[in-house]
Amino acid sequence: MSVEGWNTVLVLGGIRSGKSEFAESLVADAPTVRYVATSAAADPDDTEWATRLAAHRERRPGSWTTEETADDPRRLADVLASAGPNETLLVDDLGGWVTVLLDPAHQPADDVATITELADAVRASEARIVLVSPEVGLSLVPTTPLGRAFADALGAANRAVADACDAVALVVAGQPAWLKPSAPVPPVGVPTRAAPV
């Protein structure tokens, strides 16, 4: 790992960027991992989504346990807050969590307060935690009210959790770049005039 001394990491990335695989590599040395799945179960008619979920399940080592939090979005904060110092948790992903948070079945809800509770739980947790989330800030503004609500809520969650984490990585085309903590960038010498040829 490129960043030492972390206890909590947020791994951001676009669709099919390799963010989940990178997050899994960060906890590969842990003797046991609790995988916290946030997405609701797949619609039986949506075979493509079911295939994606199955691929995630198949990559998990047999020593990992899985915990589902899709029934109640507030439960994720409780799971993180109650985890002990010898535990390693991999939360995949905050996009699924926001989808459940915005589900009409969980409304009316104070989404801002729930996001704040999650960030506070990350900050207070004694466990080693890696959270995965889609980066929505690089895409077009959605054209539907529901799409905009999702992008806004996920953007707010990403910002709050990034602020709470010790480290943040962005994965693009399978390549991780560490955003936090960031090493100082040495100044680049730019000549004031062209050198003689």
Protein backbone atom coordinates (compact mmCIF):
# COMPACT_ATOMS: atom_id res chain seq x y z
CA MET A 1 0.00 0.00 0.00
CA SER A 2 1.29 3.46 -0.86
CA VAL A 3 -0.09 5.24 2.21
CA GLU A 4 0.99 3.99 5.62
CA GLY A 5 -0.61 4.56 8.99
CA TRP A 6 -4.22 4.55 7.87
CA ASN A 7 -7.11 3.09 9.79
CA THR A 8 -9.92 4.24 7.50
CA VAL A 9 -9.80 4.56 3.70
CA LEU A 10 -12.34 5.70 1.12
CA VAL A 11 -11.79 4.22 -2.34
CA LEU A 12 -13.52 6.20 -5.10
CA GLY A 13 -13.83 5.32 -8.77
CA GLY A 14 -16.10 5.21 -11.77
CA ILE A 15 -18.08 2.27 -13.07
CA ARG A 16 -15.80 -0.69 -13.86
CA SER A 17 -12.76 1.30 -12.74
CA GLY A 18 -11.42 -1.50 -10.54
CA LYS A 19 -12.27 0.27 -7.28
CA SER A 20 -13.71 -2.82 -5.58
CA GLU A 21 -10.75 -5.00 -6.54
CA PHE A 22 -8.35 -2.32 -5.26
CA ALA A 23 -10.28 -2.04 -1.99
CA GLU A 24 -10.15 -5.82 -1.61
CA SER A 25 -6.36 -5.72 -2.09
CA LEU A 26 -6.06 -3.26 0.81
CA VAL A 27 -7.51 -5.79 3.25
CA ALA A 28 -5.96 -8.92 1.73
CA ASP A 29 -3.49 -9.22 4.62
CA ALA A 30 -6.23 -9.24 7.29
CA PRO A 31 -6.82 -12.63 8.94
CA THR A 32 -10.58 -12.08 8.74
CA VAL A 33 -12.69 -9.48 6.99
CA ARG A 34 -16.31 -8.55 7.52
CA TYR A 35 -17.69 -7.60 4.10
CA VAL A 36 -20.56 -5.14 4.55
CA ALA A 37 -22.88 -5.32 1.54
CA THR A 38 -25.08 -2.25 1.20
CA SER A 39 -27.10 -2.92 -1.97
CA ALA A 40 -30.60 -4.26 -1.96
CA ALA A 41 -31.14 -7.74 -3.36
CA ALA A 42 -31.29 -7.97 -7.13
CA ASP A 43 -34.61 -7.91 -8.93
CA PRO A 44 -35.16 -11.50 -10.12
CA ASP A 45 -35.80 -10.18 -13.65
CA ASP A 46 -32.53 -8.18 -13.73
CA THR A 47 -30.03 -10.91 -14.60
CA GLU A 48 -27.26 -8.41 -15.43
CA TRP A 49 -27.37 -6.89 -11.91
CA ALA A 50 -27.55 -10.36 -10.36
CA THR A 51 -24.43 -11.32 -12.34
CA ARG A 52 -22.56 -8.26 -11.02
CA LEU A 53 -23.49 -9.11 -7.42
CA ALA A 54 -22.47 -12.73 -7.96
CA ALA A 55 -19.05 -11.66 -9.28
CA HIS A 56 -18.46 -9.68 -6.07
CA ARG A 57 -19.47 -12.68 -3.96
CA GLU A 58 -17.21 -15.07 -5.89
CA ARG A 59 -14.12 -12.88 -5.31
CA ARG A 60 -14.49 -12.99 -1.52
CA PRO A 61 -12.20 -15.45 0.27
CA GLY A 62 -13.85 -18.14 2.35
CA SER A 63 -12.49 -16.60 5.57
CA TRP A 64 -14.57 -13.44 5.05
CA THR A 65 -18.03 -13.04 6.54
CA THR A 66 -20.78 -11.01 4.89
CA GLU A 67 -23.18 -8.65 6.58
CA GLU A 68 -26.11 -7.06 4.74
CA THR A 69 -27.31 -3.56 5.68
CA ALA A 70 -29.82 -2.87 2.90
CA ASP A 71 -32.88 -3.20 5.14
CA ASP A 72 -32.10 0.02 7.03
CA PRO A 73 -29.64 2.69 5.86
CA ARG A 74 -28.96 3.81 9.45
CA ARG A 75 -27.69 0.33 10.26
CA LEU A 76 -24.41 0.94 8.41
CA ALA A 77 -23.37 3.60 10.93
CA ASP A 78 -24.26 1.21 13.77
CA VAL A 79 -22.14 -1.58 12.25
CA LEU A 80 -19.12 0.72 11.90
CA ALA A 81 -19.50 2.27 15.34
CA SER A 82 -19.78 -1.11 17.08
CA ALA A 83 -16.79 -2.73 15.31
CA GLY A 84 -13.86 -3.54 17.55
CA PRO A 85 -10.20 -2.54 17.21
CA ASN A 86 -9.16 -5.98 15.93
CA GLU A 87 -11.77 -6.04 13.16
CA THR A 88 -11.39 -5.25 9.46
CA LEU A 89 -14.48 -4.12 7.54
CA LEU A 90 -14.89 -3.64 3.80
CA VAL A 91 -18.00 -1.63 2.90
CA ASP A 92 -19.04 -2.01 -0.74
CA ASP A 93 -20.49 0.39 -1.64
CA LEU A 94 -21.85 3.81 -0.69
CA GLY A 95 -23.74 4.06 -4.00
CA GLY A 96 -25.88 1.12 -2.94
CA TRP A 97 -26.26 2.67 0.50
CA VAL A 98 -27.51 5.97 -0.98
CA THR A 99 -29.93 4.07 -3.23
CA VAL A 100 -31.45 2.44 -0.15
CA LEU A 101 -31.37 5.77 1.73
CA LEU A 102 -33.43 7.45 -1.03
CA ASP A 103 -35.83 4.51 -1.45
CA PRO A 104 -39.43 5.70 -0.86
CA ALA A 105 -39.78 2.91 1.72
CA HIS A 106 -37.31 4.82 3.94
CA GLN A 107 -38.88 8.26 3.43
CA PRO A 108 -39.45 10.73 4.87
CA ALA A 109 -35.91 10.73 6.20
CA ASP A 110 -33.32 13.35 7.04
CA ASP A 111 -30.69 12.32 4.50
CA VAL A 112 -28.23 14.99 5.67
CA ALA A 113 -28.43 13.75 9.27
CA THR A 114 -28.00 10.13 8.16
CA ILE A 115 -24.90 11.03 6.11
CA THR A 116 -23.52 12.95 9.11
CA GLU A 117 -24.15 9.90 11.34
CA LEU A 118 -22.22 7.73 8.89
CA ALA A 119 -19.23 10.11 8.81
CA ASP A 120 -19.26 10.34 12.62
CA ALA A 121 -19.28 6.54 12.86
CA VAL A 122 -16.28 6.31 10.50
CA ARG A 123 -14.45 8.91 12.56
CA ALA A 124 -15.20 7.20 15.89
CA SER A 125 -14.69 3.57 14.84
CA GLU A 126 -11.76 1.64 16.26
CA ALA A 127 -11.84 -0.90 13.42
CA ARG A 128 -9.81 -0.91 10.22
CA ILE A 129 -12.34 0.18 7.57
CA VAL A 130 -12.21 0.41 3.78
CA LEU A 131 -15.24 1.99 2.10
CA VAL A 132 -15.89 1.86 -1.65
CA SER A 133 -17.95 4.47 -3.49
CA PRO A 134 -18.70 5.58 -7.03
CA GLU A 135 -17.34 9.02 -7.89
CA VAL A 136 -20.25 10.97 -9.35
CA GLY A 137 -18.54 14.33 -9.65
CA LEU A 138 -17.07 13.63 -13.08
CA SER A 139 -20.30 12.76 -14.86
CA LEU A 140 -23.02 14.88 -16.43
CA VAL A 141 -25.72 16.34 -14.21
CA PRO A 142 -28.59 13.83 -14.42
CA THR A 143 -31.64 14.95 -16.38
CA THR A 144 -34.20 13.48 -13.97
CA PRO A 145 -35.10 14.68 -10.46
CA LEU A 146 -34.38 11.22 -9.00
CA GLY A 147 -31.02 11.06 -10.78
CA ARG A 148 -30.08 14.50 -9.44
CA ALA A 149 -31.18 13.53 -5.91
CA PHE A 150 -28.97 10.43 -6.10
CA ALA A 151 -25.94 12.33 -7.44
CA ASP A 152 -26.34 15.08 -4.85
CA ALA A 153 -26.75 12.66 -1.95
CA LEU A 154 -23.84 10.46 -3.05
CA GLY A 155 -21.65 13.50 -3.60
CA ALA A 156 -22.48 14.73 -0.10
CA ALA A 157 -21.81 11.28 1.37
CA ASN A 158 -18.47 10.99 -0.45
CA ARG A 159 -17.36 14.40 0.81
CA ALA A 160 -18.40 13.69 4.40
CA VAL A 161 -16.79 10.23 4.47
CA ALA A 162 -13.61 11.45 2.72
CA ASP A 163 -13.28 14.13 5.39
CA ALA A 164 -13.70 11.48 8.11
CA CYS A 165 -11.19 8.99 6.62
CA ASP A 166 -7.43 8.91 7.15
CA ALA A 167 -6.82 8.25 3.45
CA VAL A 168 -8.68 8.55 0.14
CA ALA A 169 -7.80 6.88 -3.17
CA LEU A 170 -9.25 7.44 -6.63
CA VAL A 171 -9.11 4.48 -9.02
CA VAL A 172 -9.14 5.26 -12.75
CA ALA A 173 -8.74 2.44 -15.31
CA GLY A 174 -7.45 0.16 -12.57
CA GLN A 175 -4.79 2.66 -11.46
CA PRO A 176 -5.05 4.05 -7.92
CA ALA A 177 -4.02 7.61 -7.12
CA TRP A 178 -3.84 8.67 -3.48
CA LEU A 179 -5.73 11.91 -2.84
CA LYS A 180 -5.37 11.98 0.94
CA PRO A 181 -3.00 12.21 2.58
CA SER A 182 -1.26 13.86 -0.30
CA ALA A 183 2.46 14.17 -0.44
CA PRO A 184 3.73 17.68 -1.13
CA VAL A 185 4.27 18.19 -4.82
CA PRO A 186 7.76 19.50 -5.56
CA PRO A 187 7.77 22.69 -7.59
CA VAL A 188 8.42 22.19 -11.26
CA GLY A 189 11.17 24.42 -12.64
CA VAL A 190 9.81 26.34 -15.59
CA PRO A 191 12.40 28.33 -17.53
CA THR A 192 11.55 32.01 -17.88
CA ARG A 193 12.96 32.06 -21.39
CA ALA A 194 13.84 29.44 -23.92
CA ALA A 195 17.33 27.98 -23.69
CA PRO A 196 19.59 28.47 -26.70
CA VAL A 197 19.41 25.67 -29.23
